[in-house]
């Protein structure tokens, strides 16, 4: 869902704000948004810091 949402936001920026598609920005947005969504659903003891989420996503998901 984070990938679809990031692509949708980028699409809207291109269409309505004459923006440009920047792959790096979309990827960073996916990482940040998925981490935030995970924080909202995870138990406090199972949460990971953002740098750990980016480096070891699968480990964080299995907590």
C-alpha atoms as a PDB file:
ATOM      1  CA  UNK A   1       0.000   0.000   0.000  1.00  0.00           C
ATOM      2  CA  UNK A   2       2.869   2.365   0.735  1.00  0.00           C
ATOM      3  CA  UNK A   3       4.193   1.917  -2.816  1.00  0.00           C
ATOM      4  CA  UNK A   4       0.816   2.627  -4.392  1.00  0.00           C
ATOM      5  CA  UNK A   5       0.261   5.641  -2.171  1.00  0.00           C
ATOM      6  CA  UNK A   6       3.707   7.113  -2.936  1.00  0.00           C
ATOM      7  CA  UNK A   7       3.120   6.652  -6.654  1.00  0.00           C
ATOM      8  CA  UNK A   8      -0.308   8.300  -6.366  1.00  0.00           C
ATOM      9  CA  UNK A   9       1.146  11.311  -4.528  1.00  0.00           C
ATOM     10  CA  UNK A  10       3.898  11.628  -7.144  1.00  0.00           C
ATOM     11  CA  UNK A  11       1.371  11.368  -9.968  1.00  0.00           C
ATOM     12  CA  UNK A  12      -0.735  14.140  -8.439  1.00  0.00           C
ATOM     13  CA  UNK A  13       2.335  16.346  -7.989  1.00  0.00           C
ATOM     14  CA  UNK A  14       3.242  15.856 -11.653  1.00  0.00           C
ATOM     15  CA  UNK A  15      -0.263  16.588 -12.918  1.00  0.00           C
ATOM     16  CA  UNK A  16      -1.376  19.394 -10.613  1.00  0.00           C
ATOM     17  CA  UNK A  17       1.887  21.043  -9.511  1.00  0.00           C
ATOM     18  CA  UNK A  18       3.970  20.562 -12.677  1.00  0.00           C
ATOM     19  CA  UNK A  19       6.351  18.455 -10.616  1.00  0.00           C
ATOM     20  CA  UNK A  20       8.909  15.921 -11.723  1.00  0.00           C
ATOM     21  CA  UNK A  21       9.091  12.235 -10.912  1.00  0.00           C
ATOM     22  CA  UNK A  22      12.159  11.508  -8.810  1.00  0.00           C
ATOM     23  CA  UNK A  23      12.655   7.816  -8.163  1.00  0.00           C
ATOM     24  CA  UNK A  24      14.829   8.396  -5.094  1.00  0.00           C
ATOM     25  CA  UNK A  25      12.155  10.575  -3.500  1.00  0.00           C
ATOM     26  CA  UNK A  26       9.440   7.995  -4.185  1.00  0.00           C
ATOM     27  CA  UNK A  27      11.564   5.201  -2.676  1.00  0.00           C
ATOM     28  CA  UNK A  28      12.347   7.300   0.411  1.00  0.00           C
ATOM     29  CA  UNK A  29       8.672   8.152   0.784  1.00  0.00           C
ATOM     30  CA  UNK A  30       7.754   4.445   0.623  1.00  0.00           C
ATOM     31  CA  UNK A  31      10.295   3.622   3.331  1.00  0.00           C
ATOM     32  CA  UNK A  32       9.144   6.419   5.613  1.00  0.00           C
ATOM     33  CA  UNK A  33       5.420   5.837   5.102  1.00  0.00           C
ATOM     34  CA  UNK A  34       5.640   2.068   5.606  1.00  0.00           C
ATOM     35  CA  UNK A  35       7.668   2.613   8.785  1.00  0.00           C
ATOM     36  CA  UNK A  36       5.089   5.075  10.138  1.00  0.00           C
ATOM     37  CA  UNK A  37       2.225   2.701   9.319  1.00  0.00           C
ATOM     38  CA  UNK A  38       4.074  -0.132  11.035  1.00  0.00           C
ATOM     39  CA  UNK A  39       4.616   2.017  14.148  1.00  0.00           C
ATOM     40  CA  UNK A  40       0.904   2.655  14.317  1.00  0.00           C
ATOM     41  CA  UNK A  41       0.107  -1.062  14.259  1.00  0.00           C
ATOM     42  CA  UNK A  42       3.001  -2.613  16.193  1.00  0.00           C
ATOM     43  CA  UNK A  43       3.276  -3.157  19.910  1.00  0.00           C
ATOM     44  CA  UNK A  44       5.587  -0.602  21.531  1.00  0.00           C
ATOM     45  CA  UNK A  45       8.124  -3.294  22.364  1.00  0.00           C
ATOM     46  CA  UNK A  46       8.194  -4.495  18.743  1.00  0.00           C
ATOM     47  CA  UNK A  47       8.873  -1.141  17.088  1.00  0.00           C
ATOM     48  CA  UNK A  48      12.102  -0.408  15.218  1.00  0.00           C
ATOM     49  CA  UNK A  49      13.857   2.875  14.682  1.00  0.00           C
ATOM     50  CA  UNK A  50      13.768   4.260  11.151  1.00  0.00           C
ATOM     51  CA  UNK A  51      17.427   3.511  10.394  1.00  0.00           C
ATOM     52  CA  UNK A  52      16.917  -0.107  11.469  1.00  0.00           C
ATOM     53  CA  UNK A  53      13.692  -0.350   9.427  1.00  0.00           C
ATOM     54  CA  UNK A  54      15.548   0.791   6.314  1.00  0.00           C
ATOM     55  CA  UNK A  55      18.511  -1.535   6.883  1.00  0.00           C
ATOM     56  CA  UNK A  56      16.707  -4.637   8.192  1.00  0.00           C
ATOM     57  CA  UNK A  57      13.029  -4.449   7.261  1.00  0.00           C
ATOM     58  CA  UNK A  58      12.394  -8.200   7.428  1.00  0.00           C
ATOM     59  CA  UNK A  59      13.864  -8.472  10.913  1.00  0.00           C
ATOM     60  CA  UNK A  60      11.634  -5.641  12.078  1.00  0.00           C
ATOM     61  CA  UNK A  61       8.572  -7.268  10.519  1.00  0.00           C
ATOM     62  CA  UNK A  62       9.186 -10.505  12.400  1.00  0.00           C
ATOM     63  CA  UNK A  63       9.250  -8.811  15.793  1.00  0.00           C
END
